[in-house]
Amino acid sequence: MSSRGSAFRDGRSGRGACRWLAVAAVAVLAASLAGCAASARHLFVHEAGVPVTVTTTDGERFSGRLISFERGGLVVDHSIPRSQELQVAREDGRDIAYVRGAAVGEAVEIRDFDVAVRQTFREDELARTDVATRAYVGWGTALAALLSFFMVRVIAEDF
């Protein structure tokens, strides 16, 4: 008998088919993950009060709470420790915080040890901004999980 007939009896060609099936499953898995990533919507959390870490182009870095995006600027509430450099002055019915004589933002709350300041940053003033995001689980993730499960079963039976 030919070597081809004995290969079928030994089951070696079945292993090759399982390997091709595993390769196809990996390809579909990659495509489904790419589809999920492409269809992801609004990853940023839009609710006020989300934690944010801001690094300015001047090298200053601080943490605060994201309030909104207004007129092309990022509005952040953060605290400034009370010191000789910080002054709060009332202008047009609002409390304005000054650091070293320069207005930095509106004083939202004046506390014993610090002042909560609402500051707006233009895009060109920011070197880096880390905003909390939400997880997105879509159809691609579910399909990838399902394919991964069956791929592991196929590979486990192959070896």
N, C-alpha and C. Protein backbone atom coordinates (compact mmCIF):
# COMPACT_ATOMS: atom_id res chain seq x y z
N MET A 1 0.84 -1.17 0.00
CA MET A 1 0.00 0.00 0.00
C MET A 1 0.89 1.24 0.00
N SER A 2 0.36 2.30 -0.50
CA SER A 2 1.17 3.51 -0.60
C SER A 2 1.36 4.13 0.78
N SER A 3 2.35 5.01 0.85
CA SER A 3 2.60 5.68 2.12
C SER A 3 1.45 6.62 2.48
N ARG A 4 0.70 7.06 1.48
CA ARG A 4 -0.43 7.95 1.74
C ARG A 4 -1.51 7.21 2.52
N GLY A 5 -1.81 5.97 2.15
CA GLY A 5 -2.83 5.20 2.84
C GLY A 5 -2.44 4.91 4.28
N SER A 6 -1.16 4.63 4.54
CA SER A 6 -0.75 4.36 5.90
C SER A 6 -0.78 5.61 6.76
N ALA A 7 -0.58 6.78 6.16
CA ALA A 7 -0.65 8.03 6.93
C ALA A 7 -2.06 8.26 7.44
N PHE A 8 -3.05 7.93 6.64
CA PHE A 8 -4.42 8.12 7.09
C PHE A 8 -4.75 7.16 8.22
N ARG A 9 -4.21 5.92 8.15
CA ARG A 9 -4.48 4.98 9.21
C ARG A 9 -3.80 5.37 10.51
N ASP A 10 -2.62 5.98 10.42
CA ASP A 10 -1.89 6.38 11.62
C ASP A 10 -2.49 7.64 12.25
N GLY A 11 -3.24 8.38 11.49
CA GLY A 11 -3.86 9.59 12.04
C GLY A 11 -2.99 10.83 11.92
N ARG A 12 -1.86 10.72 11.18
CA ARG A 12 -0.97 11.88 11.07
C ARG A 12 -1.60 13.01 10.28
N SER A 13 -2.35 12.72 9.24
CA SER A 13 -2.96 13.79 8.45
C SER A 13 -4.05 14.49 9.27
N GLY A 14 -4.65 13.81 10.24
CA GLY A 14 -5.63 14.44 11.12
C GLY A 14 -4.97 15.51 11.98
N ARG A 15 -3.75 15.25 12.40
CA ARG A 15 -3.00 16.24 13.18
C ARG A 15 -2.73 17.48 12.35
N GLY A 16 -2.38 17.29 11.09
CA GLY A 16 -2.13 18.42 10.20
C GLY A 16 -3.39 19.25 10.01
N ALA A 17 -4.53 18.58 9.89
CA ALA A 17 -5.80 19.30 9.74
C ALA A 17 -6.10 20.10 11.01
N CYS A 18 -5.80 19.51 12.16
CA CYS A 18 -6.02 20.23 13.43
C CYS A 18 -5.11 21.45 13.52
N ARG A 19 -3.89 21.30 13.03
CA ARG A 19 -2.97 22.45 13.06
C ARG A 19 -3.47 23.56 12.15
N TRP A 20 -3.97 23.19 10.96
CA TRP A 20 -4.53 24.20 10.05
C TRP A 20 -5.76 24.84 10.67
N LEU A 21 -6.54 24.05 11.36
CA LEU A 21 -7.71 24.60 12.05
C LEU A 21 -7.28 25.58 13.14
N ALA A 22 -6.21 25.26 13.87
CA ALA A 22 -5.70 26.16 14.91
C ALA A 22 -5.17 27.45 14.30
N VAL A 23 -4.47 27.35 13.16
CA VAL A 23 -3.97 28.54 12.48
C VAL A 23 -5.13 29.41 12.01
N ALA A 24 -6.16 28.79 11.46
CA ALA A 24 -7.35 29.54 11.01
C ALA A 24 -8.03 30.20 12.20
N ALA A 25 -8.10 29.49 13.32
CA ALA A 25 -8.73 30.07 14.51
C ALA A 25 -7.94 31.28 15.02
N VAL A 26 -6.60 31.20 14.96
CA VAL A 26 -5.78 32.34 15.38
C VAL A 26 -6.02 33.52 14.45
N ALA A 27 -6.14 33.28 13.15
CA ALA A 27 -6.38 34.36 12.19
C ALA A 27 -7.73 35.01 12.45
N VAL A 28 -8.76 34.20 12.69
CA VAL A 28 -10.08 34.75 12.98
C VAL A 28 -10.06 35.49 14.32
N LEU A 29 -9.33 34.95 15.28
CA LEU A 29 -9.19 35.60 16.58
C LEU A 29 -8.56 36.98 16.43
N ALA A 30 -7.49 37.08 15.66
CA ALA A 30 -6.82 38.38 15.45
C ALA A 30 -7.75 39.34 14.73
N ALA A 31 -8.49 38.85 13.74
CA ALA A 31 -9.42 39.72 13.01
C ALA A 31 -10.55 40.21 13.92
N SER A 32 -11.02 39.33 14.79
CA SER A 32 -12.12 39.74 15.67
C SER A 32 -11.64 40.75 16.71
N LEU A 33 -10.41 40.58 17.21
CA LEU A 33 -9.87 41.56 18.14
C LEU A 33 -9.65 42.90 17.46
N ALA A 34 -9.20 42.88 16.22
CA ALA A 34 -9.01 44.13 15.48
C ALA A 34 -10.36 44.79 15.23
N GLY A 35 -11.38 44.00 14.97
CA GLY A 35 -12.73 44.56 14.76
C GLY A 35 -13.27 45.18 16.02
N CYS A 36 -12.99 44.55 17.15
CA CYS A 36 -13.45 45.10 18.43
C CYS A 36 -12.76 46.42 18.72
N ALA A 37 -11.46 46.47 18.45
CA ALA A 37 -10.72 47.70 18.72
C ALA A 37 -11.18 48.81 17.78
N ALA A 38 -11.48 48.46 16.55
CA ALA A 38 -11.90 49.48 15.59
C ALA A 38 -13.29 50.00 15.90
N SER A 39 -14.12 49.18 16.54
CA SER A 39 -15.49 49.61 16.81
C SER A 39 -15.66 50.20 18.20
N ALA A 40 -14.55 50.30 18.95
CA ALA A 40 -14.65 50.84 20.31
C ALA A 40 -15.09 52.31 20.25
N ARG A 41 -16.02 52.65 21.10
CA ARG A 41 -16.52 54.01 21.15
C ARG A 41 -15.96 54.71 22.36
N HIS A 42 -16.08 55.96 22.45
CA HIS A 42 -15.72 56.84 23.56
C HIS A 42 -15.09 56.13 24.75
N LEU A 43 -13.78 56.03 24.74
CA LEU A 43 -13.10 55.38 25.85
C LEU A 43 -12.97 56.30 27.05
N PHE A 44 -12.99 57.61 26.83
CA PHE A 44 -12.86 58.52 27.95
C PHE A 44 -14.15 58.60 28.73
N VAL A 45 -14.03 58.67 30.03
CA VAL A 45 -15.19 58.82 30.89
C VAL A 45 -15.56 60.30 30.89
N HIS A 46 -16.80 60.60 30.57
CA HIS A 46 -17.21 62.00 30.43
C HIS A 46 -17.79 62.60 31.70
N GLU A 47 -17.98 61.82 32.72
CA GLU A 47 -18.55 62.36 33.95
C GLU A 47 -17.53 63.23 34.66
N ALA A 48 -18.02 64.28 35.32
CA ALA A 48 -17.13 65.17 36.07
C ALA A 48 -16.58 64.44 37.29
N GLY A 49 -15.37 64.80 37.67
CA GLY A 49 -14.77 64.23 38.87
C GLY A 49 -13.89 63.03 38.63
N VAL A 50 -13.56 62.75 37.39
CA VAL A 50 -12.71 61.61 37.07
C VAL A 50 -11.26 61.97 37.36
N PRO A 51 -10.49 61.08 37.99
CA PRO A 51 -9.09 61.39 38.29
C PRO A 51 -8.27 61.63 37.02
N VAL A 52 -7.40 62.63 37.09
CA VAL A 52 -6.54 62.96 35.96
C VAL A 52 -5.16 63.38 36.50
N THR A 53 -4.13 63.01 35.77
CA THR A 53 -2.78 63.46 36.09
C THR A 53 -2.30 64.30 34.92
N VAL A 54 -1.89 65.52 35.21
CA VAL A 54 -1.51 66.48 34.17
C VAL A 54 -0.03 66.80 34.31
N THR A 55 0.67 66.78 33.18
CA THR A 55 2.05 67.24 33.12
C THR A 55 2.10 68.38 32.11
N THR A 56 2.51 69.55 32.56
CA THR A 56 2.56 70.71 31.67
C THR A 56 3.87 70.73 30.90
N THR A 57 3.93 71.58 29.89
CA THR A 57 5.16 71.70 29.10
C THR A 57 6.28 72.32 29.92
N ASP A 58 5.94 72.99 31.03
CA ASP A 58 6.95 73.55 31.93
C ASP A 58 7.55 72.50 32.85
N GLY A 59 7.01 71.27 32.83
CA GLY A 59 7.51 70.20 33.67
C GLY A 59 6.76 70.02 34.98
N GLU A 60 5.77 70.87 35.23
CA GLU A 60 4.98 70.75 36.46
C GLU A 60 4.02 69.57 36.30
N ARG A 61 3.91 68.77 37.37
CA ARG A 61 3.02 67.60 37.32
C ARG A 61 2.17 67.58 38.58
N PHE A 62 0.88 67.35 38.40
CA PHE A 62 -0.02 67.26 39.55
C PHE A 62 -1.23 66.43 39.19
N SER A 63 -1.92 65.98 40.23
CA SER A 63 -3.14 65.20 40.08
C SER A 63 -4.33 66.04 40.47
N GLY A 64 -5.44 65.75 39.86
CA GLY A 64 -6.65 66.49 40.17
C GLY A 64 -7.87 65.74 39.66
N ARG A 65 -8.94 66.48 39.43
CA ARG A 65 -10.20 65.92 38.93
C ARG A 65 -10.56 66.61 37.63
N LEU A 66 -10.84 65.81 36.60
CA LEU A 66 -11.26 66.36 35.32
C LEU A 66 -12.69 66.88 35.46
N ILE A 67 -12.90 68.14 35.08
CA ILE A 67 -14.23 68.73 35.15
C ILE A 67 -14.89 68.72 33.78
N SER A 68 -14.17 69.19 32.75
CA SER A 68 -14.76 69.21 31.41
C SER A 68 -13.71 69.59 30.37
N PHE A 69 -14.14 69.55 29.11
CA PHE A 69 -13.39 70.09 28.00
C PHE A 69 -14.17 71.30 27.51
N GLU A 70 -13.64 72.47 27.66
CA GLU A 70 -14.36 73.68 27.26
C GLU A 70 -13.49 74.54 26.37
N ARG A 71 -14.02 74.98 25.25
CA ARG A 71 -13.34 75.89 24.34
C ARG A 71 -11.92 75.44 24.04
N GLY A 72 -11.75 74.17 23.78
CA GLY A 72 -10.44 73.64 23.43
C GLY A 72 -9.49 73.48 24.59
N GLY A 73 -9.97 73.65 25.81
CA GLY A 73 -9.11 73.52 26.98
C GLY A 73 -9.60 72.45 27.93
N LEU A 74 -8.68 71.91 28.69
CA LEU A 74 -8.96 70.89 29.69
C LEU A 74 -9.17 71.60 31.03
N VAL A 75 -10.34 71.45 31.63
CA VAL A 75 -10.65 72.10 32.90
C VAL A 75 -10.46 71.07 34.01
N VAL A 76 -9.54 71.40 34.94
CA VAL A 76 -9.15 70.48 36.00
C VAL A 76 -9.24 71.18 37.35
N ASP A 77 -9.82 70.50 38.34
CA ASP A 77 -9.77 70.96 39.73
C ASP A 77 -8.60 70.27 40.41
N HIS A 78 -7.74 71.05 41.04
CA HIS A 78 -6.63 70.48 41.79
C HIS A 78 -6.33 71.38 42.97
N SER A 79 -5.59 70.87 43.92
CA SER A 79 -5.30 71.66 45.11
C SER A 79 -3.90 72.26 45.03
N ILE A 80 -3.80 73.46 45.56
CA ILE A 80 -2.51 74.14 45.67
C ILE A 80 -2.28 74.38 47.15
N PRO A 81 -1.15 73.92 47.69
CA PRO A 81 -0.88 74.13 49.12
C PRO A 81 -0.78 75.63 49.43
N ARG A 82 -1.29 75.99 50.59
CA ARG A 82 -1.21 77.39 51.00
C ARG A 82 0.23 77.74 51.32
N SER A 83 0.66 78.90 50.83
CA SER A 83 2.02 79.36 51.07
C SER A 83 2.06 80.87 50.82
N GLN A 84 3.23 81.43 50.95
CA GLN A 84 3.39 82.86 50.69
C GLN A 84 3.19 83.16 49.22
N GLU A 85 3.45 82.18 48.35
CA GLU A 85 3.33 82.39 46.91
C GLU A 85 1.87 82.40 46.43
N LEU A 86 0.97 81.83 47.21
CA LEU A 86 -0.44 81.72 46.82
C LEU A 86 -1.25 82.84 47.45
N GLN A 87 -1.99 83.54 46.62
CA GLN A 87 -2.89 84.59 47.10
C GLN A 87 -4.23 84.42 46.40
N VAL A 88 -5.31 84.72 47.11
CA VAL A 88 -6.65 84.66 46.53
C VAL A 88 -7.25 86.04 46.60
N ALA A 89 -7.74 86.52 45.46
CA ALA A 89 -8.34 87.86 45.40
C ALA A 89 -9.72 87.75 44.76
N ARG A 90 -10.64 88.56 45.24
CA ARG A 90 -12.00 88.57 44.71
C ARG A 90 -12.07 89.55 43.55
N GLU A 91 -12.48 89.05 42.37
CA GLU A 91 -12.63 89.87 41.17
C GLU A 91 -13.94 89.50 40.48
N ASP A 92 -14.77 90.51 40.24
CA ASP A 92 -16.06 90.31 39.55
C ASP A 92 -16.90 89.21 40.20
N GLY A 93 -16.89 89.15 41.51
CA GLY A 93 -17.69 88.18 42.24
C GLY A 93 -17.11 86.77 42.27
N ARG A 94 -15.90 86.60 41.78
CA ARG A 94 -15.24 85.28 41.79
C ARG A 94 -13.93 85.39 42.54
N ASP A 95 -13.55 84.29 43.19
CA ASP A 95 -12.25 84.22 43.87
C ASP A 95 -11.23 83.69 42.88
N ILE A 96 -10.20 84.50 42.60
CA ILE A 96 -9.15 84.11 41.66
C ILE A 96 -7.88 83.80 42.44
N ALA A 97 -7.27 82.64 42.11
CA ALA A 97 -6.02 82.23 42.76
C ALA A 97 -4.84 82.73 41.94
N TYR A 98 -3.88 83.34 42.65
CA TYR A 98 -2.65 83.82 42.04
C TYR A 98 -1.48 83.09 42.67
N VAL A 99 -0.56 82.62 41.85
CA VAL A 99 0.68 82.01 42.33
C VAL A 99 1.82 82.85 41.77
N ARG A 100 2.64 83.42 42.67
CA ARG A 100 3.74 84.31 42.30
C ARG A 100 3.25 85.47 41.43
N GLY A 101 2.06 85.96 41.71
CA GLY A 101 1.51 87.10 40.99
C GLY A 101 0.80 86.79 39.69
N ALA A 102 0.81 85.53 39.23
CA ALA A 102 0.15 85.15 37.99
C ALA A 102 -1.15 84.40 38.30
N ALA A 103 -2.23 84.79 37.65
CA ALA A 103 -3.52 84.12 37.84
C ALA A 103 -3.45 82.71 37.28
N VAL A 104 -3.84 81.72 38.11
CA VAL A 104 -3.81 80.33 37.67
C VAL A 104 -5.21 79.75 37.47
N GLY A 105 -6.20 80.30 38.15
CA GLY A 105 -7.55 79.79 37.99
C GLY A 105 -8.47 80.31 39.07
N GLU A 106 -9.68 79.80 39.06
CA GLU A 106 -10.68 80.21 40.04
C GLU A 106 -10.56 79.36 41.30
N ALA A 107 -10.53 80.02 42.45
CA ALA A 107 -10.48 79.31 43.73
C ALA A 107 -11.89 78.78 44.01
N VAL A 108 -12.05 77.49 43.93
CA VAL A 108 -13.35 76.86 44.13
C VAL A 108 -13.66 76.69 45.61
N GLU A 109 -12.64 76.31 46.37
CA GLU A 109 -12.81 76.09 47.81
C GLU A 109 -11.52 76.47 48.53
N ILE A 110 -11.65 77.29 49.55
CA ILE A 110 -10.49 77.70 50.35
C ILE A 110 -10.54 76.91 51.65
N ARG A 111 -9.51 76.08 51.86
CA ARG A 111 -9.46 75.21 53.04
C ARG A 111 -8.30 75.65 53.93
N ASP A 112 -8.16 74.98 55.07
CA ASP A 112 -7.12 75.36 56.03
C ASP A 112 -5.70 75.21 55.48
N PHE A 113 -5.45 74.11 54.76
CA PHE A 113 -4.09 73.83 54.33
C PHE A 113 -3.85 74.01 52.84
N ASP A 114 -4.91 74.09 52.07
CA ASP A 114 -4.76 74.25 50.63
C ASP A 114 -5.98 74.96 50.04
N VAL A 115 -5.89 75.23 48.76
CA VAL A 115 -6.98 75.88 48.03
C VAL A 115 -7.29 75.02 46.81
N ALA A 116 -8.54 74.64 46.65
CA ALA A 116 -8.97 73.91 45.46
C ALA A 116 -9.16 74.93 44.34
N VAL A 117 -8.41 74.74 43.26
CA VAL A 117 -8.40 75.68 42.14
C VAL A 117 -8.92 74.98 40.89
N ARG A 118 -9.81 75.66 40.17
CA ARG A 118 -10.28 75.17 38.88
C ARG A 118 -9.47 75.88 37.81
N GLN A 119 -8.64 75.10 37.13
CA GLN A 119 -7.71 75.67 36.17
C GLN A 119 -7.98 75.11 34.77
N THR A 120 -7.87 75.97 33.77
CA THR A 120 -8.06 75.55 32.38
C THR A 120 -6.71 75.52 31.68
N PHE A 121 -6.42 74.41 31.01
CA PHE A 121 -5.17 74.25 30.28
C PHE A 121 -5.45 74.16 28.79
N ARG A 122 -4.76 74.97 28.00
CA ARG A 122 -4.85 74.85 26.55
C ARG A 122 -4.06 73.63 26.11
N GLU A 123 -4.35 73.15 24.94
CA GLU A 123 -3.69 71.95 24.44
C GLU A 123 -2.18 72.14 24.33
N ASP A 124 -1.73 73.32 23.94
CA ASP A 124 -0.30 73.55 23.78
C ASP A 124 0.44 73.69 25.11
N GLU A 125 -0.28 73.78 26.22
CA GLU A 125 0.34 73.85 27.54
C GLU A 125 0.57 72.47 28.16
N LEU A 126 0.00 71.45 27.55
CA LEU A 126 0.06 70.10 28.13
C LEU A 126 1.09 69.24 27.43
N ALA A 127 1.97 68.65 28.23
CA ALA A 127 2.94 67.69 27.70
C ALA A 127 2.35 66.28 27.73
N ARG A 128 1.59 65.99 28.79
CA ARG A 128 0.99 64.66 28.95
C ARG A 128 -0.22 64.76 29.85
N THR A 129 -1.25 63.99 29.53
CA THR A 129 -2.46 63.94 30.34
C THR A 129 -2.90 62.49 30.45
N ASP A 130 -3.03 62.00 31.67
CA ASP A 130 -3.52 60.64 31.90
C ASP A 130 -4.89 60.73 32.54
N VAL A 131 -5.90 60.29 31.79
CA VAL A 131 -7.28 60.34 32.25
C VAL A 131 -7.78 58.93 32.44
N ALA A 132 -8.57 58.72 33.48
CA ALA A 132 -9.16 57.39 33.71
C ALA A 132 -10.05 57.03 32.54
N THR A 133 -10.01 55.77 32.15
CA THR A 133 -10.85 55.29 31.05
C THR A 133 -11.69 54.14 31.54
N ARG A 134 -12.69 53.81 30.77
CA ARG A 134 -13.53 52.66 31.12
C ARG A 134 -13.19 51.49 30.20
N ALA A 135 -13.43 50.32 30.66
CA ALA A 135 -13.19 49.13 29.86
C ALA A 135 -14.31 48.98 28.85
N TYR A 136 -13.97 48.50 27.67
CA TYR A 136 -14.96 48.29 26.64
C TYR A 136 -14.91 46.84 26.21
N VAL A 137 -15.99 46.14 26.39
CA VAL A 137 -16.08 44.76 25.97
C VAL A 137 -17.15 44.71 24.90
N GLY A 138 -16.75 44.36 23.69
CA GLY A 138 -17.68 44.34 22.57
C GLY A 138 -17.78 42.97 21.95
N TRP A 139 -18.36 42.93 20.77
CA TRP A 139 -18.58 41.66 20.09
C TRP A 139 -17.25 40.98 19.76
N GLY A 140 -16.23 41.74 19.45
CA GLY A 140 -14.93 41.15 19.11
C GLY A 140 -14.31 40.44 20.29
N THR A 141 -14.46 41.02 21.47
CA THR A 141 -13.90 40.40 22.67
C THR A 141 -14.62 39.09 22.98
N ALA A 142 -15.93 39.09 22.85
CA ALA A 142 -16.70 37.87 23.11
C ALA A 142 -16.35 36.77 22.10
N LEU A 143 -16.23 37.14 20.83
CA LEU A 143 -15.87 36.18 19.80
C LEU A 143 -14.45 35.65 20.02
N ALA A 144 -13.54 36.53 20.41
CA ALA A 144 -12.16 36.11 20.68
C ALA A 144 -12.10 35.13 21.85
N ALA A 145 -12.88 35.39 22.87
CA ALA A 145 -12.90 34.47 24.02
C ALA A 145 -13.42 33.10 23.62
N LEU A 146 -14.48 33.09 22.82
CA LEU A 146 -15.06 31.83 22.35
C LEU A 146 -14.07 31.07 21.48
N LEU A 147 -13.43 31.75 20.54
CA LEU A 147 -12.47 31.09 19.66
C LEU A 147 -11.24 30.60 20.45
N SER A 148 -10.81 31.38 21.41
CA SER A 148 -9.67 30.97 22.23
C SER A 148 -9.97 29.68 22.98
N PHE A 149 -11.18 29.59 23.51
CA PHE A 149 -11.59 28.39 24.24
C PHE A 149 -11.49 27.15 23.33
N PHE A 150 -12.07 27.25 22.13
CA PHE A 150 -12.06 26.10 21.23
C PHE A 150 -10.67 25.83 20.67
N MET A 151 -9.87 26.87 20.47
CA MET A 151 -8.52 26.68 19.97
C MET A 151 -7.67 25.92 20.99
N VAL A 152 -7.82 26.24 22.25
CA VAL A 152 -7.09 25.53 23.31
C VAL A 152 -7.52 24.07 23.34
N ARG A 153 -8.79 23.81 23.14
CA ARG A 153 -9.27 22.42 23.13
C ARG A 153 -8.68 21.65 21.96
N VAL A 154 -8.63 22.29 20.79
CA VAL A 154 -8.07 21.63 19.60
C VAL A 154 -6.60 21.35 19.81
N ILE A 155 -5.87 22.31 20.32
CA ILE A 155 -4.42 22.13 20.52
C ILE A 155 -4.18 21.07 21.59
N ALA A 156 -4.98 21.05 22.64
CA ALA A 156 -4.82 20.06 23.70
C ALA A 156 -5.06 18.65 23.18
N GLU A 157 -6.01 18.47 22.26
CA GLU A 157 -6.28 17.14 21.70
C GLU A 157 -5.19 16.74 20.73
N ASP A 158 -4.54 17.73 20.12
CA ASP A 158 -3.50 17.44 19.13
C ASP A 158 -2.25 16.88 19.80
N PHE A 159 -1.95 17.29 21.00
CA PHE A 159 -0.71 16.86 21.67
C PHE A 159 -0.98 15.84 22.67
